[in-house]
Amino acid sequence: MILDGNSLTLANLSKEISQPTHLSISEGSKELVRRSRKVVDHVLATGKTVYGVNTGFGRLANKRISRENLSQLQVNLLRSHAAGIGDYFPRKTVRLILLLKINSLLRGYSGIRLKVIEALIALYNHDLMPAIREKGSVGASGDLASLADLALPLIGEGSFLSEDSAVQPALEILNSHQLDLVVLKEKEGLSLINGTQVSTALAIESLLSIKDIFYTISAAGAFTTEVMLGTDTAFRAEIQKARNQAGQEYAGKILYMLMQNSGYRDAHINCERVQDFYSLRCMPQVHGSLYDLIQHAEKILIREANSTTDNPVTLIDEQIIVSGGNFHAAPIAHIMDYLAIALTDVAAMSERRIAAFQETSQSSLPMFLMQEAGLYSGFMIAHVTAAALASENKSLAHPASVDTIPTSANQEDHVSMAPNAGHQLRQIIDNTSNIIAIELLCAAQGRDLNPKYHLAPNSEDIYQLIRMEVPYLKADSPLSAYIEYIYKLVRKGDIAQSAIRNIQELT
């Protein structure tokens, strides 16, 4: 992959996450980086006081630093800001953070030397992933603590995370790969730790998962509608067109297509049911709203992936350095909060369908999906688990971005809390994946309780995937392992890929 600071897309990021390549820098970006560094050298030569170049940081911005201490200032910055706590980010997340940081520095606004960026690329190309603590950033002035962990190995400090998650001293690993240490110059430490790359990486990873969940939960909803003897009438294109919402129109189209060629549809020839309950009938409206947010989020996040988010920035044409607030991650925090709210709502609808499986009036199936309910409790507590997760989602969906807490002696008095939004969204994704797994577990049981019709092709594919490890239950059995198996299918994207494949065949 040739990086130029401007050309990342969700597609090439997704591919890079799953299949890392060798990074290099475009010639145009190399020239921009050199010119940007010359601005820093020019400003230093004038003797002007410039934040981040020859001053302290945050509330200490008014403290002028002597010329002989400027290099040490940058080292001190990395050391003092490496104050994160908690577990370490997975290596694949660190790889994305590193890629985003490199791309941002190539845009010619950061005043960093090319050799420093090349040192970051060397880490990437040698598959050396710094050990980054998950917590400690408020999402303004950059993801400081996390990015300090990212940068410390460049100077032989900090740690790397091995493939088996062992923490290894950076200096030892650098020596084993014969990689030179970086001697930081003016502004370079600040450029390395100032930015939104951690928040953005969390958001991009979440968005990719949510795109899968959209297709997965559409497939689950279609499967459930079939075995509950629901109708696809509410998914007709004419109804969606009347609403004039693009996401709803697409979601309805997906649901309608996934139910084509279903024998269960024949049950409606002389059906007495006038219309289905909301959690079946209103899926296009709710799923469609999520889809619209996915589309919007992709635009915002790809802009951010190709952005300069440190401070101050060099203006090459004017030969000056100016301070601003590009490190503030409000756009990322807001996007993750929007996605969290919409995903929580979609998951709550799935939980309602699971609840409908537990009684006869909505599902037209035996109580708790057991022929001898009473003697057997069946799927009663599987629903309780789904209810617990749906309720937890509602707490987690409280927007992180509406909170702020002043830091740095009130100099940084309004912060985005984007990393908190990211942590919350990741948990909601995990909970939702388990809720969907429980719905699919119930749908497969429902199919076997009413086997006289044939499933639509996609539902049949999912049914066969489930039945590879999960049997039809005639009697009570522990369900945890079955839920976990289907959860893994959901998280790996197997259900989403099945849906996409079947949709493409019908298109």
Protein backbone atom coordinates (compact mmCIF):
# COMPACT_ATOMS: atom_id res chain seq x y z
CA MET A 1 0.00 0.00 0.00
CA ILE A 2 1.37 3.39 -1.03
CA LEU A 3 0.28 6.06 1.46
CA ASP A 4 -0.19 9.70 0.52
CA GLY A 5 -2.32 11.07 3.37
CA ASN A 6 -5.44 11.33 1.24
CA SER A 7 -6.42 8.00 -0.31
CA LEU A 8 -7.59 5.67 2.44
CA THR A 9 -11.04 4.13 1.92
CA LEU A 10 -13.13 1.82 4.05
CA ALA A 11 -12.55 -0.92 1.49
CA ASN A 12 -8.75 -0.71 1.50
CA LEU A 13 -8.67 -0.31 5.29
CA SER A 14 -10.84 -3.40 5.70
CA LYS A 15 -8.53 -5.37 3.43
CA GLU A 16 -5.43 -4.05 5.21
CA ILE A 17 -6.82 -5.06 8.61
CA SER A 18 -7.38 -8.63 7.49
CA GLN A 19 -4.42 -8.94 5.12
CA PRO A 20 -1.62 -6.50 6.08
CA THR A 21 0.67 -5.41 3.28
CA HIS A 22 4.01 -3.61 2.97
CA LEU A 23 3.70 0.17 3.38
CA SER A 24 5.52 2.80 1.39
CA ILE A 25 5.22 6.57 0.90
CA SER A 26 4.27 8.42 -2.27
CA GLU A 27 6.91 10.78 -3.63
CA GLY A 28 4.52 13.72 -3.40
CA SER A 29 3.99 13.11 0.30
CA LYS A 30 7.72 12.88 0.93
CA GLU A 31 8.14 16.33 -0.57
CA LEU A 32 5.28 17.76 1.54
CA VAL A 33 6.82 16.32 4.70
CA ARG A 34 10.21 17.87 3.89
CA ARG A 35 8.66 21.26 3.18
CA SER A 36 6.61 21.08 6.38
CA ARG A 37 9.75 20.40 8.42
CA LYS A 38 11.45 23.38 6.84
CA VAL A 39 8.68 25.56 8.28
CA VAL A 40 9.61 24.37 11.78
CA ASP A 41 13.30 25.06 11.13
CA HIS A 42 12.45 28.50 9.75
CA VAL A 43 10.36 29.42 12.79
CA LEU A 44 13.09 28.23 15.14
CA ALA A 45 15.60 30.40 13.32
CA THR A 46 13.45 33.47 13.90
CA GLY A 47 13.51 32.93 17.66
CA LYS A 48 9.72 33.21 17.95
CA THR A 49 7.88 31.48 20.77
CA VAL A 50 5.68 28.78 19.23
CA TYR A 51 3.53 26.27 21.10
CA GLY A 52 4.82 22.73 20.93
CA VAL A 53 8.11 23.79 19.41
CA ASN A 54 9.83 25.72 22.17
CA THR A 55 7.21 25.84 24.92
CA GLY A 56 5.69 23.53 27.49
CA PHE A 57 2.39 21.80 26.83
CA GLY A 58 -1.23 22.34 27.83
CA ARG A 59 -1.43 24.86 30.67
CA LEU A 60 2.38 25.07 30.53
CA ALA A 61 2.23 26.63 27.06
CA ASN A 62 3.48 29.92 28.47
CA LYS A 63 6.73 28.32 29.69
CA ARG A 64 9.53 29.04 27.21
CA ILE A 65 12.06 26.18 26.86
CA SER A 66 15.71 26.87 26.14
CA ARG A 67 17.17 25.75 22.81
CA GLU A 68 19.49 23.16 24.36
CA ASN A 69 16.51 21.41 26.05
CA LEU A 70 14.17 21.18 23.06
CA SER A 71 15.07 17.60 22.15
CA GLN A 72 14.75 16.48 25.77
CA LEU A 73 11.39 18.25 25.93
CA GLN A 74 10.01 15.88 23.27
CA VAL A 75 11.33 12.79 25.08
CA ASN A 76 9.85 14.05 28.36
CA LEU A 77 6.52 14.51 26.61
CA LEU A 78 6.34 10.86 25.55
CA ARG A 79 7.35 9.64 28.99
CA SER A 80 5.00 11.84 30.96
CA HIS A 81 2.00 11.15 28.75
CA ALA A 82 2.34 7.34 28.84
CA ALA A 83 -0.11 7.11 31.74
CA GLY A 84 -2.72 4.75 30.29
CA ILE A 85 -4.24 1.86 32.21
CA GLY A 86 -6.14 -1.34 31.58
CA ASP A 87 -5.67 -4.12 29.09
CA TYR A 88 -3.73 -3.73 25.87
CA PHE A 89 -5.47 -3.16 22.56
CA PRO A 90 -5.40 -6.20 20.27
CA ARG A 91 -2.58 -6.20 17.74
CA LYS A 92 -4.96 -5.71 14.81
CA THR A 93 -6.32 -2.55 16.46
CA VAL A 94 -2.78 -1.26 17.06
CA ARG A 95 -1.94 -1.97 13.42
CA LEU A 96 -4.86 0.21 12.32
CA ILE A 97 -3.88 2.98 14.78
CA LEU A 98 -0.33 2.90 13.43
CA LEU A 99 -1.52 3.03 9.83
CA LEU A 100 -3.80 5.98 10.54
CA LYS A 101 -1.04 7.86 12.37
CA ILE A 102 1.40 7.39 9.49
CA ASN A 103 -1.19 8.50 6.95
CA SER A 104 -2.03 11.62 8.94
CA LEU A 105 1.62 12.66 9.28
CA LEU A 106 2.11 12.45 5.50
CA ARG A 107 -0.22 15.36 4.76
CA GLY A 108 2.41 18.04 5.23
CA TYR A 109 0.99 19.83 8.26
CA SER A 110 2.83 18.22 11.17
CA GLY A 111 6.41 19.51 10.86
CA ILE A 112 7.89 16.10 11.52
CA ARG A 113 10.97 14.76 9.74
CA LEU A 114 10.56 12.09 7.10
CA LYS A 115 12.91 9.74 8.97
CA VAL A 116 10.52 9.63 11.93
CA ILE A 117 7.64 8.59 9.70
CA GLU A 118 9.88 6.02 8.04
CA ALA A 119 10.66 4.64 11.50
CA LEU A 120 6.93 4.16 12.11
CA ILE A 121 6.62 2.41 8.75
CA ALA A 122 9.51 0.14 9.71
CA LEU A 123 7.56 -0.95 12.79
CA TYR A 124 4.54 -1.68 10.62
CA ASN A 125 6.47 -3.56 7.96
CA HIS A 126 8.30 -5.65 10.57
CA ASP A 127 4.94 -6.44 12.25
CA LEU A 128 6.09 -4.80 15.48
CA MET A 129 2.98 -3.60 17.28
CA PRO A 130 3.48 -1.33 20.30
CA ALA A 131 1.68 -2.33 23.50
CA ILE A 132 -1.01 0.33 23.94
CA ARG A 133 -3.18 0.55 27.05
CA GLU A 134 -6.90 0.76 26.27
CA LYS A 135 -7.88 3.50 28.71
CA GLY A 136 -6.59 6.94 29.54
CA SER A 137 -7.74 9.22 26.73
CA VAL A 138 -10.55 11.79 26.83
CA GLY A 139 -10.43 12.34 23.08
CA ALA A 140 -9.07 15.86 23.00
CA SER A 141 -5.55 17.20 22.67
CA GLY A 142 -5.41 13.91 20.87
CA ASP A 143 -5.52 10.39 22.27
CA LEU A 144 -2.47 11.35 24.27
CA ALA A 145 -1.81 8.46 26.65
CA SER A 146 -2.53 5.83 24.03
CA LEU A 147 -0.41 7.48 21.34
CA ALA A 148 2.44 7.96 23.81
CA ASP A 149 2.46 4.16 24.17
CA LEU A 150 2.55 3.96 20.37
CA ALA A 151 5.50 6.37 20.10
CA LEU A 152 7.73 5.28 22.99
CA PRO A 153 9.26 2.29 21.15
CA LEU A 154 10.73 4.68 18.59
CA ILE A 155 13.12 5.92 21.28
CA GLY A 156 13.75 2.44 22.68
CA GLU A 157 11.26 2.70 25.53
CA GLY A 158 7.82 1.19 26.04
CA SER A 159 6.93 -2.28 24.82
CA PHE A 160 5.74 -4.38 21.90
CA LEU A 161 2.93 -6.92 21.96
CA SER A 162 3.79 -10.33 20.56
CA GLU A 163 1.37 -12.53 18.63
CA ASP A 164 0.64 -14.49 21.79
CA SER A 165 -0.07 -11.19 23.63
CA ALA A 166 3.18 -11.24 25.61
CA VAL A 167 4.65 -7.82 26.43
CA GLN A 168 8.25 -7.47 25.24
CA PRO A 169 10.72 -4.62 26.00
CA ALA A 170 10.96 -2.34 22.97
CA LEU A 171 14.75 -1.87 23.00
CA GLU A 172 15.37 -5.61 22.97
CA ILE A 173 13.04 -6.15 20.02
CA LEU A 174 14.40 -3.19 18.04
CA ASN A 175 17.93 -4.50 18.47
CA SER A 176 16.91 -7.97 17.32
CA HIS A 177 15.53 -6.44 14.11
CA GLN A 178 18.51 -4.09 13.73
CA LEU A 179 16.27 -1.01 13.77
CA ASP A 180 17.80 2.30 14.81
CA LEU A 181 16.44 4.45 17.60
CA VAL A 182 14.97 7.84 16.74
CA VAL A 183 16.41 10.99 18.29
CA LEU A 184 13.46 13.32 18.46
CA LYS A 185 13.74 16.95 17.41
CA GLU A 186 11.51 19.96 18.00
CA LYS A 187 7.74 19.32 17.79
CA GLU A 188 8.13 15.66 16.81
CA GLY A 189 7.03 14.13 20.12
CA LEU A 190 3.96 16.34 20.09
CA SER A 191 3.12 15.40 16.50
CA LEU A 192 3.36 11.72 17.39
CA ILE A 193 0.95 11.81 20.33
CA ASN A 194 -1.44 14.55 19.23
CA GLY A 195 -4.22 13.15 17.06
CA THR A 196 -7.47 11.18 16.93
CA GLN A 197 -6.05 7.94 15.55
CA VAL A 198 -7.06 5.73 18.50
CA SER A 199 -10.63 7.02 18.52
CA THR A 200 -10.82 6.74 14.75
CA ALA A 201 -9.48 3.18 14.76
CA LEU A 202 -12.10 2.15 17.30
CA ALA A 203 -14.79 3.76 15.18
CA ILE A 204 -13.63 2.16 11.92
CA GLU A 205 -13.40 -1.31 13.47
CA SER A 206 -16.87 -0.86 14.94
CA LEU A 207 -18.31 0.38 11.67
CA LEU A 208 -17.01 -2.68 9.82
CA SER A 209 -18.61 -4.92 12.45
CA ILE A 210 -21.88 -3.02 12.29
CA LYS A 211 -22.03 -3.35 8.50
CA ASP A 212 -21.88 -7.12 9.02
CA ILE A 213 -24.50 -6.90 11.75
CA PHE A 214 -26.88 -5.07 9.43
CA TYR A 215 -26.93 -7.99 7.00
CA THR A 216 -26.84 -10.55 9.81
CA ILE A 217 -29.81 -9.13 11.67
CA SER A 218 -31.70 -8.74 8.40
CA ALA A 219 -31.12 -12.43 7.73
CA ALA A 220 -32.17 -13.32 11.28
CA GLY A 221 -35.30 -11.19 11.00
CA ALA A 222 -36.27 -12.79 7.69
CA PHE A 223 -35.67 -16.29 9.11
CA THR A 224 -37.80 -15.49 12.17
CA THR A 225 -40.59 -14.02 10.03
CA GLU A 226 -40.73 -17.22 8.01
CA VAL A 227 -40.93 -19.68 10.89
CA MET A 228 -43.43 -17.50 12.76
CA LEU A 229 -45.62 -17.62 9.64
CA GLY A 230 -45.24 -13.87 9.23
CA THR A 231 -45.73 -12.12 5.93
CA ASP A 232 -43.34 -10.33 3.62
CA THR A 233 -46.08 -7.93 2.53
CA ALA A 234 -44.76 -5.19 4.85
CA PHE A 235 -41.40 -5.45 3.08
CA ARG A 236 -42.80 -4.66 -0.38
CA ALA A 237 -40.95 -1.97 -2.31
CA GLU A 238 -44.07 0.14 -2.81
CA ILE A 239 -44.49 0.63 0.93
CA GLN A 240 -40.87 1.68 1.41
CA LYS A 241 -40.99 4.04 -1.56
CA ALA A 242 -43.98 5.80 -0.02
CA ARG A 243 -41.89 6.65 3.06
CA ASN A 244 -39.11 8.26 0.98
CA GLN A 245 -36.25 7.15 3.26
CA ALA A 246 -33.32 5.63 1.39
CA GLY A 247 -32.14 3.38 4.22
CA GLN A 248 -35.63 2.01 4.79
CA GLU A 249 -36.02 1.34 1.08
CA TYR A 250 -32.80 -0.67 1.02
CA ALA A 251 -33.54 -2.54 4.26
CA GLY A 252 -37.01 -3.48 2.99
CA LYS A 253 -35.55 -4.68 -0.28
CA ILE A 254 -33.07 -6.90 1.57
CA LEU A 255 -35.75 -8.41 3.80
CA TYR A 256 -38.10 -9.02 0.87
CA MET A 257 -35.36 -10.68 -1.18
CA LEU A 258 -34.25 -12.89 1.70
CA MET A 259 -37.80 -14.27 1.99
CA GLN A 260 -38.23 -15.11 -1.69
CA ASN A 261 -38.91 -18.73 -2.64
CA SER A 262 -40.05 -19.60 0.88
CA GLY A 263 -42.58 -22.36 1.33
CA TYR A 264 -43.65 -20.74 4.59
CA ARG A 265 -45.05 -17.91 2.51
CA ASP A 266 -47.70 -20.36 1.23
CA ALA A 267 -49.17 -20.45 4.72
CA HIS A 268 -50.69 -17.04 4.02
CA ILE A 269 -52.96 -18.13 1.18
CA ASN A 270 -55.96 -18.36 3.54
CA CYS A 271 -54.33 -16.71 6.55
CA GLU A 272 -56.49 -15.12 9.26
CA ARG A 273 -53.67 -12.90 10.53
CA VAL A 274 -54.31 -9.32 9.38
CA GLN A 275 -50.85 -7.95 10.12
CA ASP A 276 -47.75 -8.90 12.07
CA PHE A 277 -46.56 -7.36 15.32
CA TYR A 278 -44.16 -4.44 15.06
CA SER A 279 -40.90 -6.33 15.58
CA LEU A 280 -41.60 -8.16 12.32
CA ARG A 281 -43.54 -5.56 10.41
CA CYS A 282 -41.37 -2.52 11.20
CA MET A 283 -37.96 -4.01 10.50
CA PRO A 284 -37.47 -1.95 7.29
CA GLN A 285 -38.03 1.26 9.23
CA VAL A 286 -35.69 0.42 12.14
CA HIS A 287 -33.03 -1.47 10.20
CA GLY A 288 -33.16 1.22 7.53
CA SER A 289 -32.39 3.95 10.01
CA LEU A 290 -29.30 2.02 11.08
CA TYR A 291 -28.27 1.63 7.44
CA ASP A 292 -28.55 5.39 6.85
CA LEU A 293 -26.28 5.99 9.84
CA ILE A 294 -23.79 3.43 8.53
CA GLN A 295 -23.61 5.33 5.24
CA HIS A 296 -23.18 8.65 7.02
CA ALA A 297 -20.57 7.25 9.42
CA GLU A 298 -18.47 5.92 6.57
CA LYS A 299 -18.22 9.40 5.05
CA ILE A 300 -17.20 11.00 8.34
CA LEU A 301 -14.67 8.33 9.28
CA ILE A 302 -12.94 8.22 5.91
CA ARG A 303 -12.58 11.99 6.02
CA GLU A 304 -11.00 11.58 9.45
CA ALA A 305 -8.68 8.80 8.27
CA ASN A 306 -7.33 11.25 5.68
CA SER A 307 -7.09 14.22 8.06
CA THR A 308 -4.50 16.19 9.98
CA THR A 309 -5.52 16.02 13.63
CA ASP A 310 -2.49 17.26 15.54
CA ASN A 311 -1.65 20.74 16.78
CA PRO A 312 -0.11 23.14 15.96
CA VAL A 313 -0.02 22.82 12.18
CA THR A 314 2.50 24.11 9.70
CA LEU A 315 1.28 26.27 6.81
CA ILE A 316 3.86 25.71 4.11
CA ASP A 317 2.96 28.62 1.83
CA GLU A 318 2.94 31.18 4.67
CA GLN A 319 5.97 29.62 6.43
CA ILE A 320 4.21 29.83 9.79
CA ILE A 321 2.98 27.51 12.54
CA VAL A 322 -0.53 28.09 13.87
CA SER A 323 -2.49 26.61 16.76
CA GLY A 324 -5.98 25.18 16.41
CA GLY A 325 -8.15 22.37 17.70
CA ASN A 326 -8.05 19.61 15.09
CA PHE A 327 -7.23 17.10 17.84
CA HIS A 328 -10.78 17.40 19.21
CA ALA A 329 -12.55 14.12 18.37
CA ALA A 330 -16.14 15.39 18.55
CA PRO A 331 -17.00 14.16 15.00
CA ILE A 332 -15.84 10.65 15.94
CA ALA A 333 -17.54 10.66 19.34
CA HIS A 334 -20.83 11.82 17.85
CA ILE A 335 -20.74 9.18 15.12
CA MET A 336 -20.04 6.36 17.57
CA ASP A 337 -22.82 7.56 19.86
CA TYR A 338 -25.27 7.69 16.94
CA LEU A 339 -24.31 4.15 15.93
CA ALA A 340 -24.60 2.93 19.53
CA ILE A 341 -28.13 4.29 19.85
CA ALA A 342 -29.31 2.85 16.53
CA LEU A 343 -27.68 -0.53 17.13
CA THR A 344 -29.22 -0.73 20.61
CA ASP A 345 -32.65 -0.13 19.07
CA VAL A 346 -32.14 -2.80 16.41
CA ALA A 347 -30.98 -5.25 19.10
CA ALA A 348 -34.01 -4.42 21.23
CA MET A 349 -36.23 -5.36 18.29
CA SER A 350 -34.39 -8.69 18.01
CA GLU A 351 -34.97 -9.28 21.73
CA ARG A 352 -38.71 -8.72 21.19
CA ARG A 353 -38.74 -11.38 18.47
CA ILE A 354 -36.95 -13.75 20.87
CA ALA A 355 -39.65 -13.00 23.44
CA ALA A 356 -42.34 -13.76 20.84
CA PHE A 357 -40.82 -17.22 20.37
CA GLN A 358 -41.59 -17.99 24.03
CA GLU A 359 -45.38 -17.93 23.68
CA THR A 360 -47.93 -19.05 21.11
CA SER A 361 -50.02 -16.02 20.16
CA GLN A 362 -47.31 -14.27 18.16
CA SER A 363 -45.16 -17.17 17.02
CA SER A 364 -47.83 -19.84 16.33
CA LEU A 365 -45.33 -22.25 17.92
CA PRO A 366 -45.39 -24.20 21.20
CA MET A 367 -44.64 -22.38 24.46
CA PHE A 368 -40.91 -21.88 25.00
CA LEU A 369 -40.36 -23.78 21.74
CA MET A 370 -40.87 -27.18 23.40
CA GLN A 371 -43.50 -29.81 22.60
CA GLU A 372 -43.82 -30.63 26.31
CA ALA A 373 -43.54 -27.19 27.87
CA GLY A 374 -43.87 -27.46 31.62
CA LEU A 375 -41.86 -30.60 31.91
CA TYR A 376 -39.27 -28.72 29.87
CA SER A 377 -38.42 -25.00 30.18
CA GLY A 378 -36.86 -24.91 26.72
CA PHE A 379 -35.66 -21.49 25.60
CA MET A 380 -37.14 -19.53 28.51
CA ILE A 381 -33.80 -18.52 30.01
CA ALA A 382 -32.17 -17.94 26.63
CA HIS A 383 -34.66 -15.10 26.36
CA VAL A 384 -33.74 -13.89 29.84
CA THR A 385 -30.11 -13.71 28.71
CA ALA A 386 -31.14 -11.70 25.65
CA ALA A 387 -33.19 -9.39 27.87
CA ALA A 388 -30.20 -8.83 30.16
CA LEU A 389 -28.00 -7.92 27.19
CA ALA A 390 -30.62 -5.64 25.64
CA SER A 391 -31.01 -3.83 28.95
CA GLU A 392 -27.23 -3.44 29.32
CA ASN A 393 -27.12 -1.99 25.81
CA LYS A 394 -29.58 0.69 26.83
CA SER A 395 -27.26 1.81 29.64
CA LEU A 396 -24.22 1.70 27.36
CA ALA A 397 -26.02 3.72 24.68
CA HIS A 398 -26.07 6.83 26.87
CA PRO A 399 -24.05 9.22 24.68
CA ALA A 400 -20.47 9.54 25.88
CA SER A 401 -20.08 12.74 23.88
CA VAL A 402 -22.55 14.68 26.01
CA ASP A 403 -20.15 14.38 28.91
CA THR A 404 -17.01 16.45 29.29
CA ILE A 405 -14.54 16.88 32.11
CA PRO A 406 -11.89 19.64 32.17
CA THR A 407 -8.25 18.52 32.16
CA SER A 408 -4.79 20.10 32.14
CA ALA A 409 -5.58 22.66 34.83
CA ASN A 410 -8.68 23.78 32.85
CA GLN A 411 -6.71 24.64 29.72
CA GLU A 412 -8.40 21.71 28.02
CA ASP A 413 -11.83 22.50 29.40
CA HIS A 414 -14.02 20.70 26.85
CA VAL A 415 -13.18 17.20 25.69
CA SER A 416 -14.95 14.73 23.38
CA MET A 417 -14.85 11.44 25.32
CA ALA A 418 -14.57 9.67 21.95
CA PRO A 419 -12.56 6.73 23.37
CA ASN A 420 -15.29 6.14 25.95
CA ALA A 421 -17.82 6.15 23.13
CA GLY A 422 -15.64 3.59 21.37
CA HIS A 423 -15.43 1.29 24.39
CA GLN A 424 -19.20 1.47 24.88
CA LEU A 425 -19.90 0.79 21.22
CA ARG A 426 -17.61 -2.25 21.18
CA GLN A 427 -19.55 -3.74 24.11
CA ILE A 428 -22.88 -3.00 22.42
CA ILE A 429 -21.65 -4.77 19.28
CA ASP A 430 -20.67 -7.79 21.35
CA ASN A 431 -23.99 -7.85 23.23
CA THR A 432 -25.96 -7.43 20.02
CA SER A 433 -24.08 -10.28 18.38
CA ASN A 434 -25.11 -12.54 21.26
CA ILE A 435 -28.73 -11.37 21.03
CA ILE A 436 -28.77 -12.20 17.31
CA ALA A 437 -27.24 -15.59 18.10
CA ILE A 438 -30.10 -16.32 20.50
CA GLU A 439 -32.68 -15.25 17.90
CA LEU A 440 -31.11 -17.58 15.34
CA LEU A 441 -31.03 -20.39 17.91
CA CYS A 442 -34.78 -19.92 18.43
CA ALA A 443 -35.49 -19.63 14.70
CA ALA A 444 -33.75 -22.94 13.98
CA GLN A 445 -35.81 -24.64 16.71
CA GLY A 446 -38.95 -23.03 15.31
CA ARG A 447 -38.21 -24.40 11.88
CA ASP A 448 -38.01 -27.96 13.26
CA LEU A 449 -41.24 -27.53 15.18
CA ASN A 450 -43.07 -26.71 11.94
CA PRO A 451 -41.20 -28.57 9.18
CA LYS A 452 -44.01 -28.90 6.66
CA TYR A 453 -42.80 -25.93 4.57
CA HIS A 454 -39.41 -25.27 3.04
CA LEU A 455 -37.25 -22.30 4.01
CA ALA A 456 -36.09 -19.53 1.69
CA PRO A 457 -32.58 -20.32 0.36
CA ASN A 458 -30.73 -17.98 2.74
CA SER A 459 -32.65 -19.16 5.80
CA GLU A 460 -31.94 -22.73 4.77
CA ASP A 461 -28.22 -21.93 4.48
CA ILE A 462 -28.21 -20.43 7.98
CA TYR A 463 -30.24 -23.33 9.34
CA GLN A 464 -27.71 -25.80 7.98
CA LEU A 465 -24.81 -23.79 9.47
CA ILE A 466 -26.48 -23.86 12.87
CA ARG A 467 -27.34 -27.55 12.71
CA MET A 468 -23.69 -28.44 12.10
CA GLU A 469 -23.16 -27.97 15.87
CA VAL A 470 -26.55 -27.27 17.41
CA PRO A 471 -29.15 -30.08 17.48
CA TYR A 472 -32.91 -29.82 17.56
CA LEU A 473 -33.82 -29.96 21.24
CA LYS A 474 -36.52 -32.43 22.26
CA ALA A 475 -35.59 -32.01 25.92
CA ASP A 476 -33.85 -29.41 28.06
CA SER A 477 -30.13 -28.96 27.51
CA PRO A 478 -27.54 -26.34 28.55
CA LEU A 479 -27.69 -23.65 25.86
CA SER A 480 -24.54 -21.61 26.54
CA ALA A 481 -22.27 -23.57 24.19
CA TYR A 482 -24.87 -23.43 21.42
CA ILE A 483 -25.23 -19.67 21.79
CA GLU A 484 -21.46 -19.27 21.73
CA TYR A 485 -21.16 -21.30 18.52
CA ILE A 486 -23.73 -19.15 16.71
CA TYR A 487 -22.20 -15.98 18.21
CA LYS A 488 -18.91 -16.91 16.57
CA LEU A 489 -20.67 -17.34 13.22
CA VAL A 490 -22.11 -13.85 13.67
CA ARG A 491 -18.79 -12.21 14.65
CA LYS A 492 -16.82 -13.92 11.87
CA GLY A 493 -19.31 -12.57 9.35
CA ASP A 494 -20.47 -15.99 8.14
CA ILE A 495 -24.16 -15.09 8.41
CA ALA A 496 -23.62 -11.70 6.75
CA GLN A 497 -21.68 -13.24 3.87
CA SER A 498 -24.41 -15.84 3.35
CA ALA A 499 -27.00 -13.07 3.14
CA ILE A 500 -24.91 -10.96 0.75
CA ARG A 501 -24.28 -13.98 -1.47
CA ASN A 502 -27.98 -14.87 -1.66
CA ILE A 503 -28.95 -11.26 -2.31
CA GLN A 504 -26.46 -11.05 -5.18
CA GLU A 505 -27.87 -14.22 -6.71
CA LEU A 506 -31.35 -12.70 -6.68
CA THR A 507 -30.26 -9.33 -8.05
